[in-house]
Amino acid sequence: METIDIYKQLADHLSSLGMGYPPHEALEEILRANFDPLEAQVALAFPTRVIPLALTEIDQLMRTIDLPRAELEDVLENLSQKGLIFSGKTKDGEKGYALHQIGFGFPQTFFWKGEDTPHARNMASLVARYFNRQVTREAYGVTETKPYRYIPMGKKIEPEIQVVYPYHTMEYVIHQAKVIAVAHCPCRMTARLRDRGCDHPTEVCMKFDEMAEYVIERGLAREITKDEALKIIKQSEESGLVHFVDNAMGDIKHNCNCCGCACWNVGSIKRRKIPRDVLMATYFIRDTDEEECTGCGECVEVCPVDAIQMEGDLPMVDEGWCIGCGVCVVKCPAEAAKLKLRPDRIGQLPNTNFKDLHERILREKRVI
């Protein structure tokens, strides 16, 4: 295997994952800066027709790579320690590893610690060049099923809706989790490392259960309690950040709290670069009680995707771009802003769990 070609081979290999990395020269540069040739060869031994976080045992990897077991174990552990592959325990209690899939680790691992180092700054530049509009659209927009969904601010959903759809609240997500960790937002860290940061908080990116265990073990994030997690959600809402989670009712692996300044999804929608429904699943939309509305325009100012404009004394919502986040509802002094289920999504539910979600995405990509 020629060393000169191995990084292109690895980029092509990563592109065939369910949540794959679209090929690009900048991706090859990122790989070259982080994997030595032997590490790249080991990464090529991993299966790709698997859901994110699905572990492969060492015995299985040894069938596809000619390395002594001890050497393979050392390479795998070093890759995991550097945050370049996922690791954990299989159902049989054996050590297992997996390639990071897009949105579930690499290249986020460079920024979760919140560190400002020469390597982090170099990665910030390369990651910003890689995740251009075309790559982002290809990564998240090619399947009908979206991997993520916006989740509205729970206290602003009507109680009867919360009873029927409890999974549409962050409180529910947090209470279902067994282990929780908090890391720094990779989008805002990337911007800050490129001297383009905003004032929004960064340590608000949460991981749950086996993903939380991994980032805690690897020192990429810190473990927090459920009470601390709820405080982070409150802080995020007060800062006008937008919640999103995996597009599933249960078994959620992570939550991001995004801004329109730097984040790959909210920012792209705000700037009208990629249509909302190409990137994300949205189940709610803004509504206005016209009798209660005082026409103050506060909602126009705080909307993270600029989907509201004043027409006369009333705010008008562009329902093609509204993400149903509830930021305007929280900020409305007259309590005239409401959230309602999207009329065209009534009856549509998130996938049952994380596994079902990503198996559906694999089928839609026709890789299983």
Protein backbone atom coordinates (compact mmCIF):
# COMPACT_ATOMS: atom_id res chain seq x y z
CA MET A 1 0.00 0.00 0.00
CA GLU A 2 1.60 3.27 -1.13
CA THR A 3 1.96 5.83 1.65
CA ILE A 4 1.41 8.67 -0.80
CA ASP A 5 -2.10 7.39 -1.57
CA ILE A 6 -3.23 6.23 1.85
CA TYR A 7 -4.87 9.48 2.95
CA LYS A 8 -7.00 9.64 -0.18
CA GLN A 9 -7.95 6.02 0.42
CA LEU A 10 -8.90 6.86 4.00
CA ALA A 11 -10.94 9.87 2.88
CA ASP A 12 -12.81 7.65 0.42
CA HIS A 13 -13.30 5.03 3.15
CA LEU A 14 -14.76 7.62 5.53
CA SER A 15 -17.10 8.86 2.80
CA SER A 16 -18.80 5.44 2.71
CA LEU A 17 -19.94 5.60 6.35
CA GLY A 18 -23.63 6.06 7.06
CA MET A 19 -22.83 9.52 8.39
CA GLY A 20 -19.96 9.82 5.94
CA TYR A 21 -17.44 12.56 5.22
CA PRO A 22 -17.79 13.95 1.68
CA PRO A 23 -14.41 13.72 -0.10
CA HIS A 24 -12.44 16.95 -0.33
CA GLU A 25 -8.78 17.96 -0.46
CA ALA A 26 -9.15 19.68 2.91
CA LEU A 27 -10.33 16.38 4.43
CA GLU A 28 -7.17 14.69 3.18
CA GLU A 29 -5.11 17.48 4.76
CA ILE A 30 -6.90 16.98 8.08
CA LEU A 31 -6.20 13.24 7.93
CA ARG A 32 -2.57 13.78 6.99
CA ALA A 33 -2.08 16.13 9.93
CA ASN A 34 -3.47 13.61 12.45
CA PHE A 35 -2.87 10.03 11.26
CA ASP A 36 0.52 8.55 10.54
CA PRO A 37 0.57 5.97 7.70
CA LEU A 38 0.19 2.98 10.02
CA GLU A 39 -2.71 4.61 11.86
CA ALA A 40 -4.38 5.35 8.53
CA GLN A 41 -3.91 1.72 7.52
CA VAL A 42 -5.58 0.57 10.75
CA ALA A 43 -8.47 2.98 10.20
CA LEU A 44 -8.98 1.45 6.75
CA ALA A 45 -9.62 -1.93 8.41
CA PHE A 46 -12.85 -0.75 10.04
CA PRO A 47 -16.25 -1.59 8.55
CA THR A 48 -18.26 1.36 7.24
CA ARG A 49 -21.76 -0.09 6.83
CA VAL A 50 -22.52 0.50 10.49
CA ILE A 51 -24.36 3.06 12.56
CA PRO A 52 -22.39 5.65 14.59
CA LEU A 53 -20.77 4.35 17.78
CA ALA A 54 -21.17 0.69 16.70
CA LEU A 55 -18.10 -1.03 18.14
CA THR A 56 -15.83 -3.48 16.33
CA GLU A 57 -13.81 -5.93 18.44
CA ILE A 58 -10.07 -6.38 17.91
CA ASP A 59 -10.53 -9.99 16.75
CA GLN A 60 -12.70 -8.79 13.88
CA LEU A 61 -10.19 -6.11 12.87
CA MET A 62 -7.38 -8.70 12.82
CA ARG A 63 -9.16 -10.50 9.98
CA THR A 64 -8.65 -7.49 7.71
CA ILE A 65 -5.19 -6.22 8.69
CA ASP A 66 -1.86 -8.02 8.92
CA LEU A 67 -0.47 -6.76 12.22
CA PRO A 68 0.52 -8.53 15.43
CA ARG A 69 -2.26 -8.22 17.98
CA ALA A 70 -0.16 -6.28 20.50
CA GLU A 71 0.85 -3.73 17.86
CA LEU A 72 -2.73 -3.35 16.67
CA GLU A 73 -3.94 -2.81 20.23
CA ASP A 74 -1.32 -0.10 20.75
CA VAL A 75 -2.32 1.73 17.56
CA LEU A 76 -6.01 1.54 18.38
CA GLU A 77 -5.53 2.81 21.90
CA ASN A 78 -3.32 5.66 20.68
CA LEU A 79 -5.92 6.67 18.08
CA SER A 80 -8.62 6.61 20.74
CA GLN A 81 -6.48 8.61 23.16
CA LYS A 82 -5.94 11.25 20.48
CA GLY A 83 -9.71 11.45 19.91
CA LEU A 84 -9.50 10.09 16.38
CA ILE A 85 -11.65 6.98 16.90
CA PHE A 86 -14.43 6.06 19.33
CA SER A 87 -13.88 3.38 21.98
CA GLY A 88 -15.96 1.58 24.58
CA LYS A 89 -17.15 -1.79 25.86
CA THR A 90 -19.18 -4.18 23.73
CA LYS A 91 -22.21 -6.05 25.08
CA ASP A 92 -19.83 -8.92 25.88
CA GLY A 93 -17.65 -6.60 27.95
CA GLU A 94 -14.83 -6.66 25.39
CA LYS A 95 -12.90 -3.59 24.29
CA GLY A 96 -14.24 -2.22 21.03
CA TYR A 97 -13.52 0.64 18.66
CA ALA A 98 -15.32 2.52 15.89
CA LEU A 99 -14.57 5.15 13.32
CA HIS A 100 -15.98 8.53 14.23
CA GLN A 101 -18.85 9.44 11.93
CA ILE A 102 -19.63 12.98 10.93
CA GLY A 103 -21.24 14.81 13.85
CA PHE A 104 -20.17 12.12 16.33
CA GLY A 105 -16.55 12.93 17.08
CA PHE A 106 -13.81 13.69 14.61
CA PRO A 107 -13.24 16.55 13.85
CA GLN A 108 -15.19 17.87 16.87
CA THR A 109 -12.69 16.24 19.22
CA PHE A 110 -10.14 18.93 18.37
CA PHE A 111 -12.36 21.53 20.03
CA TRP A 112 -14.39 19.83 22.80
CA LYS A 113 -11.73 20.62 25.43
CA GLY A 114 -11.95 24.33 24.67
CA GLU A 115 -8.18 24.57 24.31
CA ASP A 116 -6.31 27.19 22.32
CA THR A 117 -3.23 25.40 20.94
CA PRO A 118 -1.31 25.67 17.66
CA HIS A 119 -2.75 22.31 16.56
CA ALA A 120 -6.31 23.38 17.45
CA ARG A 121 -5.84 26.61 15.47
CA ASN A 122 -4.52 24.70 12.47
CA MET A 123 -7.45 22.30 12.66
CA ALA A 124 -9.88 25.21 12.97
CA SER A 125 -8.61 26.62 9.68
CA LEU A 126 -8.74 23.26 7.90
CA VAL A 127 -12.15 22.34 9.31
CA ALA A 128 -13.57 25.73 8.25
CA ARG A 129 -12.22 25.17 4.74
CA TYR A 130 -13.58 21.63 4.62
CA PHE A 131 -17.10 22.30 5.86
CA ASN A 132 -18.11 24.63 3.06
CA ARG A 133 -21.70 24.90 1.87
CA GLN A 134 -21.40 22.02 -0.59
CA VAL A 135 -19.85 19.60 1.91
CA THR A 136 -22.39 20.49 4.61
CA ARG A 137 -25.30 19.96 2.23
CA GLU A 138 -23.90 16.64 1.06
CA ALA A 139 -23.18 15.47 4.61
CA TYR A 140 -26.62 16.19 6.04
CA GLY A 141 -28.98 16.73 3.13
CA VAL A 142 -28.90 13.67 0.90
CA THR A 143 -31.38 11.53 2.85
CA GLU A 144 -35.03 12.18 3.55
CA THR A 145 -34.49 11.16 7.18
CA LYS A 146 -32.55 13.85 9.01
CA PRO A 147 -30.09 12.78 11.73
CA TYR A 148 -30.95 15.74 13.98
CA ARG A 149 -34.02 17.68 15.07
CA TYR A 150 -34.57 21.03 16.69
CA ILE A 151 -36.14 20.72 20.09
CA PRO A 152 -38.10 23.71 21.39
CA MET A 153 -37.70 25.32 24.76
CA GLY A 154 -39.84 23.00 26.86
CA LYS A 155 -41.46 25.47 29.20
CA LYS A 156 -42.98 27.26 26.22
CA ILE A 157 -44.75 24.23 24.74
CA GLU A 158 -48.41 24.02 25.67
CA PRO A 159 -48.91 21.52 28.53
CA GLU A 160 -51.22 19.31 26.48
CA ILE A 161 -48.52 18.98 23.81
CA GLN A 162 -45.91 18.10 26.42
CA VAL A 163 -48.15 15.32 27.73
CA VAL A 164 -48.54 13.75 24.28
CA TYR A 165 -44.99 14.47 23.03
CA PRO A 166 -42.75 14.57 26.12
CA TYR A 167 -39.65 13.74 24.03
CA HIS A 168 -39.91 17.23 22.49
CA THR A 169 -38.42 18.78 25.65
CA MET A 170 -34.82 18.94 26.83
CA GLU A 171 -35.96 18.13 30.35
CA TYR A 172 -37.18 14.74 29.11
CA VAL A 173 -33.92 14.08 27.25
CA ILE A 174 -31.85 14.87 30.33
CA HIS A 175 -33.97 12.81 32.71
CA GLN A 176 -33.67 9.78 30.39
CA ALA A 177 -29.87 9.91 30.33
CA LYS A 178 -27.77 7.66 32.57
CA VAL A 179 -24.47 9.55 32.15
CA ILE A 180 -24.03 13.17 31.05
CA ALA A 181 -20.94 15.12 30.01
CA VAL A 182 -20.49 18.70 28.86
CA ALA A 183 -17.94 19.85 26.28
CA HIS A 184 -17.23 23.07 24.44
CA CYS A 185 -19.17 23.85 21.26
CA PRO A 186 -16.91 22.93 18.32
CA CYS A 187 -18.56 25.48 16.02
CA ARG A 188 -17.99 28.44 18.31
CA MET A 189 -14.53 27.18 19.28
CA THR A 190 -13.61 26.95 15.59
CA ALA A 191 -14.76 30.54 15.12
CA ARG A 192 -12.87 31.77 18.19
CA LEU A 193 -9.66 30.04 17.15
CA ARG A 194 -9.97 31.88 13.83
CA ASP A 195 -10.55 35.19 15.68
CA ARG A 196 -14.18 35.29 14.55
CA GLY A 197 -15.87 34.35 17.81
CA CYS A 198 -19.12 35.61 19.29
CA ASP A 199 -20.16 36.26 22.89
CA HIS A 200 -22.29 33.13 23.31
CA PRO A 201 -21.09 30.56 25.89
CA THR A 202 -19.11 27.60 24.58
CA GLU A 203 -19.24 24.96 27.33
CA VAL A 204 -22.82 23.92 26.57
CA CYS A 205 -22.41 20.91 24.26
CA MET A 206 -23.75 17.81 26.04
CA LYS A 207 -23.13 14.11 25.46
CA PHE A 208 -25.17 11.25 26.88
CA ASP A 209 -24.58 7.64 27.96
CA GLU A 210 -21.86 5.76 25.98
CA MET A 211 -20.81 8.91 24.14
CA ALA A 212 -20.56 10.69 27.50
CA GLU A 213 -18.50 7.82 28.92
CA TYR A 214 -16.08 8.07 26.01
CA VAL A 215 -15.48 11.84 26.23
CA ILE A 216 -15.12 11.66 30.02
CA GLU A 217 -12.64 8.76 29.85
CA ARG A 218 -10.59 10.53 27.16
CA GLY A 219 -10.56 13.86 28.98
CA LEU A 220 -12.47 15.58 26.18
CA ALA A 221 -15.31 16.73 28.45
CA ARG A 222 -16.33 16.69 32.10
CA GLU A 223 -19.05 14.68 33.78
CA ILE A 224 -22.03 16.61 35.14
CA THR A 225 -25.19 15.83 37.09
CA LYS A 226 -28.71 16.12 35.76
CA ASP A 227 -29.20 19.27 37.82
CA GLU A 228 -26.10 20.78 36.22
CA ALA A 229 -27.37 19.78 32.80
CA LEU A 230 -30.69 21.52 33.44
CA LYS A 231 -28.79 24.66 34.48
CA ILE A 232 -26.85 24.54 31.21
CA ILE A 233 -30.13 24.34 29.31
CA LYS A 234 -31.43 27.36 31.21
CA GLN A 235 -28.20 29.27 30.52
CA SER A 236 -28.43 28.37 26.83
CA GLU A 237 -32.02 29.57 26.61
CA GLU A 238 -31.19 32.83 28.35
CA SER A 239 -28.40 33.31 25.80
CA GLY A 240 -30.79 32.74 22.90
CA LEU A 241 -29.21 29.45 21.83
CA VAL A 242 -31.11 26.79 19.89
CA HIS A 243 -31.37 23.18 21.11
CA PHE A 244 -30.93 20.25 18.80
CA VAL A 245 -30.65 16.53 19.49
CA ASP A 246 -30.66 13.27 17.57
CA ASN A 247 -33.85 12.84 15.56
CA ALA A 248 -35.13 10.08 17.84
CA MET A 249 -37.59 9.81 20.70
CA GLY A 250 -35.20 7.98 22.98
CA ASP A 251 -31.59 6.86 23.40
CA ILE A 252 -30.30 10.35 22.59
CA LYS A 253 -26.50 10.57 22.34
CA HIS A 254 -25.89 14.30 22.23
CA ASN A 255 -27.31 17.78 22.37
CA CYS A 256 -25.89 20.96 20.86
CA ASN A 257 -26.98 24.48 21.74
CA CYS A 258 -26.41 26.54 18.63
CA CYS A 259 -26.17 30.16 17.55
CA GLY A 260 -26.67 31.85 14.22
CA CYS A 261 -23.19 33.35 14.44
CA ALA A 262 -21.06 30.25 14.05
CA CYS A 263 -23.01 27.00 14.00
CA TRP A 264 -23.16 24.86 10.88
CA ASN A 265 -26.95 24.49 10.94
CA VAL A 266 -28.48 27.65 12.46
CA GLY A 267 -25.87 29.84 10.78
CA SER A 268 -26.45 28.27 7.36
CA ILE A 269 -30.21 28.74 7.70
CA LYS A 270 -29.87 32.31 8.98
CA ARG A 271 -27.75 33.26 5.99
CA ARG A 272 -30.13 31.38 3.64
CA LYS A 273 -27.29 29.23 2.36
CA ILE A 274 -29.03 25.87 2.81
CA PRO A 275 -32.81 25.38 3.23
CA ARG A 276 -33.95 24.42 6.72
CA ASP A 277 -35.54 21.14 5.72
CA VAL A 278 -32.41 20.03 3.88
CA LEU A 279 -30.40 20.20 7.11
CA MET A 280 -32.69 19.48 10.04
CA ALA A 281 -35.98 17.96 11.14
CA THR A 282 -38.34 20.62 12.51
CA TYR A 283 -41.57 19.66 14.21
CA PHE A 284 -42.77 23.05 15.53
CA ILE A 285 -43.34 26.52 14.15
CA ARG A 286 -44.02 29.99 15.57
CA ASP A 287 -47.59 31.26 15.86
CA THR A 288 -48.86 34.65 17.07
CA ASP A 289 -51.84 35.57 19.22
CA GLU A 290 -52.68 38.78 17.36
CA GLU A 291 -55.01 40.03 20.09
CA GLU A 292 -52.24 39.84 22.68
CA CYS A 293 -49.40 41.09 20.45
CA THR A 294 -48.33 44.68 21.21
CA GLY A 295 -46.18 45.02 18.09
CA CYS A 296 -43.00 45.67 20.09
CA GLY A 297 -40.78 43.88 17.56
CA GLU A 298 -38.74 42.07 20.20
CA CYS A 299 -39.19 38.76 18.39
CA VAL A 300 -37.73 40.21 15.20
CA GLU A 301 -34.56 41.16 17.07
CA VAL A 302 -34.02 37.82 18.80
CA CYS A 303 -34.94 35.33 16.06
CA PRO A 304 -31.76 33.29 15.50
CA VAL A 305 -32.58 32.66 11.81
CA ASP A 306 -34.11 36.06 10.90
CA ALA A 307 -37.45 34.44 10.05
CA ILE A 308 -39.67 37.24 11.45
CA GLN A 309 -40.42 40.69 10.04
CA MET A 310 -42.79 43.41 11.13
CA GLU A 311 -45.62 44.22 8.74
CA GLY A 312 -47.42 47.19 10.20
CA ASP A 313 -47.95 46.45 13.88
CA LEU A 314 -47.75 42.67 13.60
CA PRO A 315 -44.83 40.24 13.27
CA MET A 316 -45.03 38.01 10.19
CA VAL A 317 -43.28 34.62 10.29
CA ASP A 318 -41.61 33.12 7.24
CA GLU A 319 -42.78 29.56 7.77
CA GLY A 320 -40.33 28.25 5.19
CA TRP A 321 -37.40 29.25 7.39
CA CYS A 322 -38.75 29.28 10.99
CA ILE A 323 -37.11 26.46 12.97
CA GLY A 324 -39.62 26.33 15.84
CA CYS A 325 -36.93 26.84 18.45
CA GLY A 326 -39.00 28.98 20.84
CA VAL A 327 -36.40 31.72 21.35
CA CYS A 328 -38.96 34.36 20.38
CA VAL A 329 -41.54 32.77 22.66
CA VAL A 330 -39.24 33.05 25.66
CA LYS A 331 -38.46 36.70 24.90
CA CYS A 332 -42.02 37.86 24.10
CA PRO A 333 -43.03 40.37 26.86
CA ALA A 334 -46.73 40.10 26.00
CA GLU A 335 -46.71 36.26 25.83
CA ALA A 336 -48.28 36.57 22.39
CA ALA A 337 -45.71 34.34 20.67
CA LYS A 338 -46.64 30.65 20.71
CA LEU A 339 -45.34 27.38 19.34
CA LYS A 340 -47.55 25.02 17.40
CA LEU A 341 -46.96 21.72 15.66
CA ARG A 342 -46.03 22.20 12.02
CA PRO A 343 -49.25 21.57 10.08
CA ASP A 344 -47.38 19.60 7.42
CA ARG A 345 -45.66 17.46 10.07
CA ILE A 346 -48.64 16.52 12.22
CA GLY A 347 -48.56 12.76 12.65
CA GLN A 348 -44.86 12.56 11.78
CA LEU A 349 -42.73 11.40 14.69
CA PRO A 350 -39.01 11.17 15.33
CA ASN A 351 -37.55 7.70 15.00
CA THR A 352 -38.02 5.38 17.97
CA ASN A 353 -34.38 5.30 19.02
CA PHE A 354 -30.84 6.05 17.89
CA LYS A 355 -30.33 2.62 16.28
CA ASP A 356 -33.56 2.79 14.27
CA LEU A 357 -32.71 6.33 13.14
CA HIS A 358 -29.31 5.46 11.74
CA GLU A 359 -30.34 2.14 10.25
CA ARG A 360 -32.97 4.09 8.32
CA ILE A 361 -30.32 6.55 7.11
CA LEU A 362 -28.12 3.63 6.02
CA ARG A 363 -31.02 2.14 4.03
CA GLU A 364 -31.77 5.47 2.38
CA LYS A 365 -28.13 5.73 1.37
CA ARG A 366 -28.41 2.13 0.10
CA VAL A 367 -25.38 0.97 1.97
CA ILE A 368 -27.11 -1.91 3.78
